């Protein structure tokens, strides 16, 4: 309200006063004093007129006679002070304490006893300032309260968002992770893979190079790396098996090859008596031919013996089957 700010050095001049009284003499007194103090005064004799004036004009303070015939002044005071926030001063010839208490309890800021004193009007502006300060304080409290309520609301909303975030996180965490589709290596794709290896060489084949050469949509580096590792393991297994088979074949071939020089064996291992006979007579016995079964010597005493200094190299060998017709030689261990 610009009327009583420090920027208005003429305050309280221009104070807007509404006087409600049925006594004409009191009207004259109020008008005379207010004009001297440069107040703007408006007067009416009924509560209904006062309400009509309040609906069309603004006033800083209201003077009301306590006892207006057939008028409920207390109800009017309560309405003005509670809704319009305008200070009200009640006036009366009744100076009883109960009348003053009734006026104050119904919302009046002061109680003037008639006849009215000029000094009361001089200090009337204090009620206006006090009401303005109370109103500002109330507005500040309201703003502070609304600010706290807004802050509480914001905190509540933040907690709600945080809680919903946790609930959403828990809900998401409870959901099983989506399984990634497994990549399938078709025959055509594998053939391209093998062609890329043949182009690079198995030793220089790297997943990035193979992937670049294959140039297949949807094929990723991890697919190529996994397939390349498995393929190398497969090749290592094939090479290892090939080496083992080759070694086994060579071993079997060596076992089957029998050198003719190893055919010789000692007859004395089978015939101990023959050893003594050869030793005593100083003879050498040899196999003439294993492949000549036709020669037949029925008895051991019929052996063809040649002294050591007379035998020919060609006669060293003789047919064992002729010497041992009873398959004794066939049952021996060579």
C-alpha atoms as a PDB file:
ATOM      1  CA  UNK A   1       0.000   0.000   0.000  1.00  0.00           C
ATOM      2  CA  UNK A   2       1.700   3.164  -1.195  1.00  0.00           C
ATOM      3  CA  UNK A   3      -0.314   5.352   1.261  1.00  0.00           C
ATOM      4  CA  UNK A   4       2.033   4.888   4.243  1.00  0.00           C
ATOM      5  CA  UNK A   5       5.370   3.903   2.734  1.00  0.00           C
ATOM      6  CA  UNK A   6       8.549   5.910   3.251  1.00  0.00           C
ATOM      7  CA  UNK A   7       8.114   7.154  -0.311  1.00  0.00           C
ATOM      8  CA  UNK A   8       4.987   9.061   0.789  1.00  0.00           C
ATOM      9  CA  UNK A   9       6.180  11.893   3.085  1.00  0.00           C
ATOM     10  CA  UNK A  10       2.625  13.306   3.393  1.00  0.00           C
ATOM     11  CA  UNK A  11       1.307  10.197   5.169  1.00  0.00           C
ATOM     12  CA  UNK A  12      -1.219   9.910   6.781  1.00  0.00           C
ATOM     13  CA  UNK A  13      -2.741  12.601   4.555  1.00  0.00           C
ATOM     14  CA  UNK A  14      -5.107  10.968   2.085  1.00  0.00           C
ATOM     15  CA  UNK A  15      -6.190   8.225   4.501  1.00  0.00           C
ATOM     16  CA  UNK A  16      -9.484   6.768   3.189  1.00  0.00           C
ATOM     17  CA  UNK A  17     -12.087   6.511   5.950  1.00  0.00           C
ATOM     18  CA  UNK A  18     -15.592   4.986   5.883  1.00  0.00           C
ATOM     19  CA  UNK A  19     -17.879   6.138   8.693  1.00  0.00           C
ATOM     20  CA  UNK A  20     -21.070   4.175   9.493  1.00  0.00           C
ATOM     21  CA  UNK A  21     -23.354   5.969  11.982  1.00  0.00           C
ATOM     22  CA  UNK A  22     -27.021   6.870  12.257  1.00  0.00           C
ATOM     23  CA  UNK A  23     -26.361  10.031  14.323  1.00  0.00           C
ATOM     24  CA  UNK A  24     -26.183  13.174  12.157  1.00  0.00           C
ATOM     25  CA  UNK A  25     -24.187  15.121  14.757  1.00  0.00           C
ATOM     26  CA  UNK A  26     -21.520  12.433  14.859  1.00  0.00           C
ATOM     27  CA  UNK A  27     -21.323  12.650  11.068  1.00  0.00           C
ATOM     28  CA  UNK A  28     -20.554  16.306  11.295  1.00  0.00           C
ATOM     29  CA  UNK A  29     -17.847  15.776  13.928  1.00  0.00           C
ATOM     30  CA  UNK A  30     -16.165  12.997  11.938  1.00  0.00           C
ATOM     31  CA  UNK A  31     -16.181  14.993   8.717  1.00  0.00           C
ATOM     32  CA  UNK A  32     -14.818  18.103  10.382  1.00  0.00           C
ATOM     33  CA  UNK A  33     -11.883  16.369  12.092  1.00  0.00           C
ATOM     34  CA  UNK A  34     -10.980  14.226   9.041  1.00  0.00           C
ATOM     35  CA  UNK A  35     -10.954  17.243   6.761  1.00  0.00           C
ATOM     36  CA  UNK A  36      -8.559  19.031   9.080  1.00  0.00           C
ATOM     37  CA  UNK A  37      -6.229  16.036   8.971  1.00  0.00           C
ATOM     38  CA  UNK A  38      -6.586  15.785   5.175  1.00  0.00           C
ATOM     39  CA  UNK A  39      -8.337  12.408   5.381  1.00  0.00           C
ATOM     40  CA  UNK A  40     -10.776  11.309   2.673  1.00  0.00           C
ATOM     41  CA  UNK A  41     -14.002  10.405   4.491  1.00  0.00           C
ATOM     42  CA  UNK A  42     -17.185   8.724   3.203  1.00  0.00           C
ATOM     43  CA  UNK A  43     -20.241   8.270   5.442  1.00  0.00           C
ATOM     44  CA  UNK A  44     -23.408   6.127   5.450  1.00  0.00           C
ATOM     45  CA  UNK A  45     -26.131   5.346   8.002  1.00  0.00           C
ATOM     46  CA  UNK A  46     -26.809   1.633   7.450  1.00  0.00           C
ATOM     47  CA  UNK A  47     -24.821  -1.595   7.213  1.00  0.00           C
ATOM     48  CA  UNK A  48     -26.310  -2.352   3.791  1.00  0.00           C
ATOM     49  CA  UNK A  49     -25.071   0.953   2.427  1.00  0.00           C
ATOM     50  CA  UNK A  50     -21.651   0.284   3.897  1.00  0.00           C
ATOM     51  CA  UNK A  51     -21.466  -3.111   2.181  1.00  0.00           C
ATOM     52  CA  UNK A  52     -22.424  -1.539  -1.118  1.00  0.00           C
ATOM     53  CA  UNK A  53     -19.698   1.098  -0.774  1.00  0.00           C
ATOM     54  CA  UNK A  54     -17.117  -1.577   0.110  1.00  0.00           C
ATOM     55  CA  UNK A  55     -18.003  -3.498  -3.034  1.00  0.00           C
ATOM     56  CA  UNK A  56     -17.204  -0.535  -5.278  1.00  0.00           C
ATOM     57  CA  UNK A  57     -14.494   1.406  -3.420  1.00  0.00           C
ATOM     58  CA  UNK A  58     -11.448   0.744  -1.309  1.00  0.00           C
ATOM     59  CA  UNK A  59     -11.025   2.084   2.235  1.00  0.00           C
ATOM     60  CA  UNK A  60      -8.102   2.037   4.635  1.00  0.00           C
ATOM     61  CA  UNK A  61     -10.109   2.045   7.869  1.00  0.00           C
ATOM     62  CA  UNK A  62     -13.795   1.911   8.995  1.00  0.00           C
ATOM     63  CA  UNK A  63     -15.545   3.696  11.890  1.00  0.00           C
ATOM     64  CA  UNK A  64     -18.751   1.920  13.033  1.00  0.00           C
ATOM     65  CA  UNK A  65     -21.298   2.854  15.661  1.00  0.00           C
ATOM     66  CA  UNK A  66     -21.761  -0.104  17.989  1.00  0.00           C
ATOM     67  CA  UNK A  67     -25.496   0.306  18.492  1.00  0.00           C
ATOM     68  CA  UNK A  68     -27.273   1.069  15.169  1.00  0.00           C
ATOM     69  CA  UNK A  69     -31.006   0.344  15.404  1.00  0.00           C
ATOM     70  CA  UNK A  70     -32.018  -2.872  13.671  1.00  0.00           C
ATOM     71  CA  UNK A  71     -28.441  -3.501  12.435  1.00  0.00           C
ATOM     72  CA  UNK A  72     -26.118  -6.375  13.338  1.00  0.00           C
ATOM     73  CA  UNK A  73     -22.919  -4.397  13.607  1.00  0.00           C
ATOM     74  CA  UNK A  74     -20.889  -7.211  15.181  1.00  0.00           C
ATOM     75  CA  UNK A  75     -21.563  -9.518  12.244  1.00  0.00           C
ATOM     76  CA  UNK A  76     -20.546  -6.730   9.892  1.00  0.00           C
ATOM     77  CA  UNK A  77     -17.279  -6.196  11.807  1.00  0.00           C
ATOM     78  CA  UNK A  78     -16.443  -9.898  11.709  1.00  0.00           C
ATOM     79  CA  UNK A  79     -17.060 -10.038   7.969  1.00  0.00           C
ATOM     80  CA  UNK A  80     -14.938  -6.981   7.191  1.00  0.00           C
ATOM     81  CA  UNK A  81     -12.011  -7.940   9.379  1.00  0.00           C
ATOM     82  CA  UNK A  82     -11.888 -11.594   8.316  1.00  0.00           C
ATOM     83  CA  UNK A  83     -12.531 -11.267   4.580  1.00  0.00           C
ATOM     84  CA  UNK A  84     -11.536  -7.713   3.593  1.00  0.00           C
ATOM     85  CA  UNK A  85      -8.703  -7.404   6.129  1.00  0.00           C
ATOM     86  CA  UNK A  86      -9.666  -3.767   6.886  1.00  0.00           C
ATOM     87  CA  UNK A  87      -9.207  -2.482  10.453  1.00  0.00           C
ATOM     88  CA  UNK A  88     -12.470  -1.483  12.170  1.00  0.00           C
ATOM     89  CA  UNK A  89     -12.889   0.971  15.105  1.00  0.00           C
ATOM     90  CA  UNK A  90     -16.159   0.739  17.020  1.00  0.00           C
ATOM     91  CA  UNK A  91     -17.680   3.869  18.623  1.00  0.00           C
ATOM     92  CA  UNK A  92     -20.349   4.214  21.309  1.00  0.00           C
ATOM     93  CA  UNK A  93     -21.615   6.264  24.219  1.00  0.00           C
ATOM     94  CA  UNK A  94     -21.516   3.044  26.215  1.00  0.00           C
ATOM     95  CA  UNK A  95     -18.248   2.962  28.134  1.00  0.00           C
ATOM     96  CA  UNK A  96     -18.840  -0.274  29.967  1.00  0.00           C
ATOM     97  CA  UNK A  97     -16.072  -2.823  29.972  1.00  0.00           C
ATOM     98  CA  UNK A  98     -18.344  -5.515  28.636  1.00  0.00           C
ATOM     99  CA  UNK A  99     -19.149  -3.412  25.596  1.00  0.00           C
ATOM    100  CA  UNK A 100     -15.462  -2.830  24.920  1.00  0.00           C
ATOM    101  CA  UNK A 101     -14.731  -6.563  25.311  1.00  0.00           C
ATOM    102  CA  UNK A 102     -17.569  -7.482  22.953  1.00  0.00           C
ATOM    103  CA  UNK A 103     -16.229  -5.126  20.313  1.00  0.00           C
ATOM    104  CA  UNK A 104     -12.645  -6.392  20.570  1.00  0.00           C
ATOM    105  CA  UNK A 105     -13.711 -10.037  20.655  1.00  0.00           C
ATOM    106  CA  UNK A 106     -15.664  -9.551  17.394  1.00  0.00           C
ATOM    107  CA  UNK A 107     -12.652  -8.205  15.566  1.00  0.00           C
ATOM    108  CA  UNK A 108     -12.506  -4.473  16.294  1.00  0.00           C
ATOM    109  CA  UNK A 109      -8.968  -3.077  16.565  1.00  0.00           C
ATOM    110  CA  UNK A 110     -10.043  -0.304  18.971  1.00  0.00           C
ATOM    111  CA  UNK A 111     -13.012   1.108  20.867  1.00  0.00           C
ATOM    112  CA  UNK A 112     -13.754   4.869  21.001  1.00  0.00           C
ATOM    113  CA  UNK A 113     -16.048   6.373  23.541  1.00  0.00           C
ATOM    114  CA  UNK A 114     -18.173   9.313  22.455  1.00  0.00           C
ATOM    115  CA  UNK A 115     -17.930  12.226  22.274  1.00  0.00           C
ATOM    116  CA  UNK A 116     -15.034  11.727  19.902  1.00  0.00           C
ATOM    117  CA  UNK A 117     -11.660  13.307  20.593  1.00  0.00           C
ATOM    118  CA  UNK A 118      -9.533  14.846  17.814  1.00  0.00           C
ATOM    119  CA  UNK A 119      -6.393  13.179  19.162  1.00  0.00           C
ATOM    120  CA  UNK A 120      -7.957   9.775  18.484  1.00  0.00           C
ATOM    121  CA  UNK A 121      -8.144  10.652  14.794  1.00  0.00           C
ATOM    122  CA  UNK A 122      -4.554  11.838  14.744  1.00  0.00           C
ATOM    123  CA  UNK A 123      -3.336   8.369  15.854  1.00  0.00           C
ATOM    124  CA  UNK A 124      -5.896   6.452  13.794  1.00  0.00           C
ATOM    125  CA  UNK A 125      -3.317   5.753  11.046  1.00  0.00           C
ATOM    126  CA  UNK A 126      -1.381   3.459  13.447  1.00  0.00           C
ATOM    127  CA  UNK A 127      -4.107   0.854  13.153  1.00  0.00           C
ATOM    128  CA  UNK A 128      -3.794   0.974   9.390  1.00  0.00           C
ATOM    129  CA  UNK A 129      -0.051   0.449   9.501  1.00  0.00           C
ATOM    130  CA  UNK A 130      -0.345  -2.322  12.078  1.00  0.00           C
ATOM    131  CA  UNK A 131      -2.960  -4.091   9.956  1.00  0.00           C
ATOM    132  CA  UNK A 132      -0.728  -3.743   6.923  1.00  0.00           C
ATOM    133  CA  UNK A 133       2.252  -5.189   8.768  1.00  0.00           C
ATOM    134  CA  UNK A 134       0.194  -8.053  10.131  1.00  0.00           C
ATOM    135  CA  UNK A 135      -1.106  -8.742   6.662  1.00  0.00           C
ATOM    136  CA  UNK A 136       2.411  -8.732   5.175  1.00  0.00           C
ATOM    137  CA  UNK A 137       3.620 -11.042   7.931  1.00  0.00           C
ATOM    138  CA  UNK A 138       0.689 -13.317   7.338  1.00  0.00           C
ATOM    139  CA  UNK A 139       1.418 -13.345   3.634  1.00  0.00           C
ATOM    140  CA  UNK A 140       5.079 -14.072   4.337  1.00  0.00           C
ATOM    141  CA  UNK A 141       4.094 -16.929   6.624  1.00  0.00           C
ATOM    142  CA  UNK A 142       1.735 -18.163   3.984  1.00  0.00           C
ATOM    143  CA  UNK A 143       4.469 -18.036   1.388  1.00  0.00           C
ATOM    144  CA  UNK A 144       6.870 -19.762   3.752  1.00  0.00           C
ATOM    145  CA  UNK A 145       4.274 -22.368   4.577  1.00  0.00           C
ATOM    146  CA  UNK A 146       3.493 -22.893   0.914  1.00  0.00           C
ATOM    147  CA  UNK A 147       7.207 -23.050   0.258  1.00  0.00           C
ATOM    148  CA  UNK A 148       7.612 -25.743   2.909  1.00  0.00           C
ATOM    149  CA  UNK A 149       4.599 -27.565   1.569  1.00  0.00           C
ATOM    150  CA  UNK A 150       5.999 -27.306  -1.942  1.00  0.00           C
ATOM    151  CA  UNK A 151       9.378 -28.529  -0.698  1.00  0.00           C
ATOM    152  CA  UNK A 152       7.740 -31.404   1.130  1.00  0.00           C
ATOM    153  CA  UNK A 153       5.746 -32.197  -1.976  1.00  0.00           C
ATOM    154  CA  UNK A 154       8.880 -32.135  -4.103  1.00  0.00           C
ATOM    155  CA  UNK A 155      10.693 -34.383  -1.618  1.00  0.00           C
ATOM    156  CA  UNK A 156       7.731 -36.706  -1.575  1.00  0.00           C
ATOM    157  CA  UNK A 157       7.655 -36.802  -5.358  1.00  0.00           C
ATOM    158  CA  UNK A 158      11.413 -37.399  -5.428  1.00  0.00           C
ATOM    159  CA  UNK A 159      11.070 -40.248  -2.950  1.00  0.00           C
ATOM    160  CA  UNK A 160       8.216 -41.622  -5.002  1.00  0.00           C
ATOM    161  CA  UNK A 161      10.310 -41.459  -8.172  1.00  0.00           C
ATOM    162  CA  UNK A 162      13.247 -43.066  -6.376  1.00  0.00           C
ATOM    163  CA  UNK A 163      11.027 -45.814  -5.011  1.00  0.00           C
ATOM    164  CA  UNK A 164       9.482 -46.409  -8.410  1.00  0.00           C
ATOM    165  CA  UNK A 165      12.996 -46.464  -9.837  1.00  0.00           C
ATOM    166  CA  UNK A 166      14.013 -49.143  -7.326  1.00  0.00           C
ATOM    167  CA  UNK A 167      10.833 -51.068  -8.027  1.00  0.00           C
ATOM    168  CA  UNK A 168      11.501 -50.846 -11.759  1.00  0.00           C
ATOM    169  CA  UNK A 169      15.110 -51.911 -11.186  1.00  0.00           C
ATOM    170  CA  UNK A 170      14.007 -54.869  -9.082  1.00  0.00           C
ATOM    171  CA  UNK A 171      11.405 -55.751 -11.682  1.00  0.00           C
ATOM    172  CA  UNK A 172      13.971 -55.573 -14.456  1.00  0.00           C
ATOM    173  CA  UNK A 173      16.537 -57.544 -12.445  1.00  0.00           C
ATOM    174  CA  UNK A 174      13.997 -60.305 -11.785  1.00  0.00           C
ATOM    175  CA  UNK A 175      13.409 -60.755 -15.487  1.00  0.00           C
ATOM    176  CA  UNK A 176      15.700 -63.386 -17.018  1.00  0.00           C
ATOM    177  CA  UNK A 177      18.209 -61.964 -19.487  1.00  0.00           C
ATOM    178  CA  UNK A 178      17.245 -62.422 -23.098  1.00  0.00           C
ATOM    179  CA  UNK A 179      19.087 -65.290 -24.716  1.00  0.00           C
ATOM    180  CA  UNK A 180      21.184 -64.314 -27.673  1.00  0.00           C
ATOM    181  CA  UNK A 181      20.347 -66.166 -30.858  1.00  0.00           C
ATOM    182  CA  UNK A 182      22.972 -68.800 -31.617  1.00  0.00           C
ATOM    183  CA  UNK A 183      24.782 -68.344 -34.913  1.00  0.00           C
ATOM    184  CA  UNK A 184      24.466 -71.280 -37.306  1.00  0.00           C
ATOM    185  CA  UNK A 185      27.300 -72.226 -39.652  1.00  0.00           C
ATOM    186  CA  UNK A 186      25.764 -73.472 -42.878  1.00  0.00           C
ATOM    187  CA  UNK A 187      27.634 -75.561 -45.425  1.00  0.00           C
ATOM    188  CA  UNK A 188      27.911 -72.599 -47.781  1.00  0.00           C
ATOM    189  CA  UNK A 189      29.213 -70.357 -45.006  1.00  0.00           C
ATOM    190  CA  UNK A 190      31.753 -72.973 -43.934  1.00  0.00           C
ATOM    191  CA  UNK A 191      32.936 -73.323 -47.535  1.00  0.00           C
ATOM    192  CA  UNK A 192      33.564 -69.562 -47.654  1.00  0.00           C
ATOM    193  CA  UNK A 193      35.437 -69.890 -44.369  1.00  0.00           C
ATOM    194  CA  UNK A 194      37.675 -72.644 -45.758  1.00  0.00           C
ATOM    195  CA  UNK A 195      38.287 -70.620 -48.947  1.00  0.00           C
ATOM    196  CA  UNK A 196      39.389 -67.667 -46.828  1.00  0.00           C
ATOM    197  CA  UNK A 197      41.802 -69.922 -44.899  1.00  0.00           C
ATOM    198  CA  UNK A 198      43.236 -71.309 -48.136  1.00  0.00           C
ATOM    199  CA  UNK A 199      43.737 -67.762 -49.373  1.00  0.00           C
ATOM    200  CA  UNK A 200      45.475 -66.587 -46.194  1.00  0.00           C
ATOM    201  CA  UNK A 201      47.181 -69.760 -45.108  1.00  0.00           C
ATOM    202  CA  UNK A 202      46.394 -71.456 -41.822  1.00  0.00           C
ATOM    203  CA  UNK A 203      49.364 -69.851 -40.040  1.00  0.00           C
ATOM    204  CA  UNK A 204      48.425 -66.301 -41.105  1.00  0.00           C
ATOM    205  CA  UNK A 205      44.681 -66.737 -40.684  1.00  0.00           C
ATOM    206  CA  UNK A 206      43.374 -64.211 -38.156  1.00  0.00           C
ATOM    207  CA  UNK A 207      39.694 -63.674 -37.262  1.00  0.00           C
ATOM    208  CA  UNK A 208      39.654 -60.078 -38.567  1.00  0.00           C
ATOM    209  CA  UNK A 209      41.241 -61.024 -41.885  1.00  0.00           C
ATOM    210  CA  UNK A 210      38.947 -64.022 -42.345  1.00  0.00           C
ATOM    211  CA  UNK A 211      35.879 -61.898 -41.524  1.00  0.00           C
ATOM    212  CA  UNK A 212      36.949 -59.256 -44.034  1.00  0.00           C
ATOM    213  CA  UNK A 213      37.465 -61.797 -46.819  1.00  0.00           C
ATOM    214  CA  UNK A 214      34.192 -63.637 -46.140  1.00  0.00           C
ATOM    215  CA  UNK A 215      32.172 -60.370 -46.060  1.00  0.00           C
ATOM    216  CA  UNK A 216      28.931 -62.031 -44.931  1.00  0.00           C
ATOM    217  CA  UNK A 217      26.052 -59.959 -43.429  1.00  0.00           C
ATOM    218  CA  UNK A 218      25.313 -60.873 -39.823  1.00  0.00           C
ATOM    219  CA  UNK A 219      28.644 -62.600 -39.332  1.00  0.00           C
ATOM    220  CA  UNK A 220      30.535 -61.156 -36.376  1.00  0.00           C
ATOM    221  CA  UNK A 221      34.146 -61.325 -35.269  1.00  0.00           C
ATOM    222  CA  UNK A 222      33.394 -63.564 -32.305  1.00  0.00           C
ATOM    223  CA  UNK A 223      31.677 -66.085 -34.597  1.00  0.00           C
ATOM    224  CA  UNK A 224      34.728 -66.287 -36.839  1.00  0.00           C
ATOM    225  CA  UNK A 225      37.146 -66.489 -33.887  1.00  0.00           C
ATOM    226  CA  UNK A 226      35.249 -69.368 -32.301  1.00  0.00           C
ATOM    227  CA  UNK A 227      34.919 -71.257 -35.577  1.00  0.00           C
ATOM    228  CA  UNK A 228      38.602 -70.732 -36.405  1.00  0.00           C
ATOM    229  CA  UNK A 229      39.666 -72.101 -33.028  1.00  0.00           C
ATOM    230  CA  UNK A 230      37.520 -75.199 -33.458  1.00  0.00           C
ATOM    231  CA  UNK A 231      38.783 -75.718 -36.994  1.00  0.00           C
ATOM    232  CA  UNK A 232      42.427 -75.521 -35.882  1.00  0.00           C
ATOM    233  CA  UNK A 233      41.743 -78.041 -33.117  1.00  0.00           C
ATOM    234  CA  UNK A 234      40.170 -80.321 -35.725  1.00  0.00           C
ATOM    235  CA  UNK A 235      43.233 -80.035 -37.996  1.00  0.00           C
ATOM    236  CA  UNK A 236      45.591 -80.757 -35.087  1.00  0.00           C
ATOM    237  CA  UNK A 237      43.598 -83.901 -34.282  1.00  0.00           C
ATOM    238  CA  UNK A 238      43.715 -85.048 -37.899  1.00  0.00           C
ATOM    239  CA  UNK A 239      47.471 -84.502 -38.149  1.00  0.00           C
ATOM    240  CA  UNK A 240      48.099 -86.293 -34.863  1.00  0.00           C
ATOM    241  CA  UNK A 241      46.024 -89.322 -35.897  1.00  0.00           C
ATOM    242  CA  UNK A 242      47.770 -89.415 -39.268  1.00  0.00           C
ATOM    243  CA  UNK A 243      51.181 -89.482 -37.603  1.00  0.00           C
ATOM    244  CA  UNK A 244      50.130 -92.256 -35.230  1.00  0.00           C
ATOM    245  CA  UNK A 245      48.732 -94.380 -38.083  1.00  0.00           C
ATOM    246  CA  UNK A 246      51.915 -93.889 -40.110  1.00  0.00           C
ATOM    247  CA  UNK A 247      54.069 -94.953 -37.156  1.00  0.00           C
ATOM    248  CA  UNK A 248      51.935 -98.043 -36.537  1.00  0.00           C
ATOM    249  CA  UNK A 249      52.150 -99.037 -40.211  1.00  0.00           C
ATOM    250  CA  UNK A 250      55.923 -98.680 -40.196  1.00  0.00           C
ATOM    251  CA  UNK A 251      56.197-100.802 -37.054  1.00  0.00           C
ATOM    252  CA  UNK A 252      54.051-103.535 -38.584  1.00  0.00           C
ATOM    253  CA  UNK A 253      56.120-103.466 -41.796  1.00  0.00           C
ATOM    254  CA  UNK A 254      59.342-103.843 -39.801  1.00  0.00           C
ATOM    255  CA  UNK A 255      57.917-106.797 -37.905  1.00  0.00           C
ATOM    256  CA  UNK A 256      56.949-108.573 -41.163  1.00  0.00           C
ATOM    257  CA  UNK A 257      60.346-108.089 -42.842  1.00  0.00           C
ATOM    258  CA  UNK A 258      62.669-111.032 -41.879  1.00  0.00           C
ATOM    259  CA  UNK A 259      66.257-110.944 -42.977  1.00  0.00           C
ATOM    260  CA  UNK A 260      67.624-114.211 -44.374  1.00  0.00           C
ATOM    261  CA  UNK A 261      70.652-113.856 -42.146  1.00  0.00           C
ATOM    262  CA  UNK A 262      68.426-114.304 -39.121  1.00  0.00           C
ATOM    263  CA  UNK A 263      67.280-117.752 -40.218  1.00  0.00           C
ATOM    264  CA  UNK A 264      70.190-119.387 -38.571  1.00  0.00           C
ATOM    265  CA  UNK A 265      69.695-120.961 -35.224  1.00  0.00           C
ATOM    266  CA  UNK A 266      71.630-123.402 -33.046  1.00  0.00           C
ATOM    267  CA  UNK A 267      70.629-127.004 -33.407  1.00  0.00           C
ATOM    268  CA  UNK A 268      72.183-127.752 -30.087  1.00  0.00           C
ATOM    269  CA  UNK A 269      69.368-125.813 -28.431  1.00  0.00           C
ATOM    270  CA  UNK A 270      67.023-128.562 -29.600  1.00  0.00           C
ATOM    271  CA  UNK A 271      69.421-131.549 -29.519  1.00  0.00           C
ATOM    272  CA  UNK A 272      71.886-131.552 -26.596  1.00  0.00           C
ATOM    273  CA  UNK A 273      73.425-134.908 -27.666  1.00  0.00           C
ATOM    274  CA  UNK A 274      74.270-133.416 -31.040  1.00  0.00           C
ATOM    275  CA  UNK A 275      76.432-130.831 -29.363  1.00  0.00           C
ATOM    276  CA  UNK A 276      78.624-133.450 -27.755  1.00  0.00           C
ATOM    277  CA  UNK A 277      78.831-135.407 -31.009  1.00  0.00           C
ATOM    278  CA  UNK A 278      79.940-132.387 -33.041  1.00  0.00           C
ATOM    279  CA  UNK A 279      82.409-131.353 -30.363  1.00  0.00           C
ATOM    280  CA  UNK A 280      84.006-134.772 -30.090  1.00  0.00           C
ATOM    281  CA  UNK A 281      84.301-135.283 -33.842  1.00  0.00           C
ATOM    282  CA  UNK A 282      85.107-131.639 -34.639  1.00  0.00           C
ATOM    283  CA  UNK A 283      82.451-131.398 -37.375  1.00  0.00           C
ATOM    284  CA  UNK A 284      80.349-128.497 -38.614  1.00  0.00           C
ATOM    285  CA  UNK A 285      76.742-128.969 -39.537  1.00  0.00           C
ATOM    286  CA  UNK A 286      74.915-126.570 -41.856  1.00  0.00           C
ATOM    287  CA  UNK A 287      71.597-126.332 -43.538  1.00  0.00           C
ATOM    288  CA  UNK A 288      72.000-126.853 -47.203  1.00  0.00           C
ATOM    289  CA  UNK A 289      68.596-125.794 -48.343  1.00  0.00           C
ATOM    290  CA  UNK A 290      65.362-125.222 -46.514  1.00  0.00           C
ATOM    291  CA  UNK A 291      63.390-125.409 -49.744  1.00  0.00           C
ATOM    292  CA  UNK A 292      64.586-129.022 -50.605  1.00  0.00           C
ATOM    293  CA  UNK A 293      62.388-131.457 -48.703  1.00  0.00           C
ATOM    294  CA  UNK A 294      63.051-134.281 -51.162  1.00  0.00           C
ATOM    295  CA  UNK A 295      66.347-135.318 -49.651  1.00  0.00           C
ATOM    296  CA  UNK A 296      65.787-137.939 -46.990  1.00  0.00           C
ATOM    297  CA  UNK A 297      68.138-139.115 -44.336  1.00  0.00           C
ATOM    298  CA  UNK A 298      66.219-141.599 -42.153  1.00  0.00           C
ATOM    299  CA  UNK A 299      68.783-141.868 -39.373  1.00  0.00           C
ATOM    300  CA  UNK A 300      71.066-139.504 -37.620  1.00  0.00           C
ATOM    301  CA  UNK A 301      73.958-141.918 -38.145  1.00  0.00           C
ATOM    302  CA  UNK A 302      73.566-141.424 -41.894  1.00  0.00           C
ATOM    303  CA  UNK A 303      74.451-137.673 -41.716  1.00  0.00           C
ATOM    304  CA  UNK A 304      76.930-136.551 -44.299  1.00  0.00           C
ATOM    305  CA  UNK A 305      79.809-135.273 -42.263  1.00  0.00           C
ATOM    306  CA  UNK A 306      82.803-133.434 -43.556  1.00  0.00           C
ATOM    307  CA  UNK A 307      85.874-132.624 -41.525  1.00  0.00           C
ATOM    308  CA  UNK A 308      86.328-128.942 -40.797  1.00  0.00           C
ATOM    309  CA  UNK A 309      89.360-128.660 -42.972  1.00  0.00           C
ATOM    310  CA  UNK A 310      87.743-130.372 -45.925  1.00  0.00           C
ATOM    311  CA  UNK A 311      84.220-128.979 -46.226  1.00  0.00           C
ATOM    312  CA  UNK A 312      83.155-126.701 -48.978  1.00  0.00           C
ATOM    313  CA  UNK A 313      81.261-123.481 -48.314  1.00  0.00           C
ATOM    314  CA  UNK A 314      78.454-124.676 -50.548  1.00  0.00           C
ATOM    315  CA  UNK A 315      77.893-127.731 -48.428  1.00  0.00           C
ATOM    316  CA  UNK A 316      77.412-125.964 -45.176  1.00  0.00           C
ATOM    317  CA  UNK A 317      73.611-125.959 -45.444  1.00  0.00           C
ATOM    318  CA  UNK A 318      71.516-129.090 -45.460  1.00  0.00           C
ATOM    319  CA  UNK A 319      67.814-129.862 -45.335  1.00  0.00           C
ATOM    320  CA  UNK A 320      66.584-129.918 -41.736  1.00  0.00           C
ATOM    321  CA  UNK A 321      63.322-131.580 -42.681  1.00  0.00           C
ATOM    322  CA  UNK A 322      65.217-134.556 -43.868  1.00  0.00           C
ATOM    323  CA  UNK A 323      67.000-134.804 -40.566  1.00  0.00           C
ATOM    324  CA  UNK A 324      63.904-134.352 -38.492  1.00  0.00           C
ATOM    325  CA  UNK A 325      60.941-135.977 -40.243  1.00  0.00           C
ATOM    326  CA  UNK A 326      58.857-136.072 -37.118  1.00  0.00           C
ATOM    327  CA  UNK A 327      58.043-132.272 -37.195  1.00  0.00           C
ATOM    328  CA  UNK A 328      60.346-131.653 -34.331  1.00  0.00           C
ATOM    329  CA  UNK A 329      61.860-128.720 -36.132  1.00  0.00           C
ATOM    330  CA  UNK A 330      58.439-127.250 -36.893  1.00  0.00           C
ATOM    331  CA  UNK A 331      57.476-127.176 -33.240  1.00  0.00           C
ATOM    332  CA  UNK A 332      60.586-125.284 -32.085  1.00  0.00           C
ATOM    333  CA  UNK A 333      60.933-121.579 -31.347  1.00  0.00           C
ATOM    334  CA  UNK A 334      63.179-119.895 -33.927  1.00  0.00           C
END
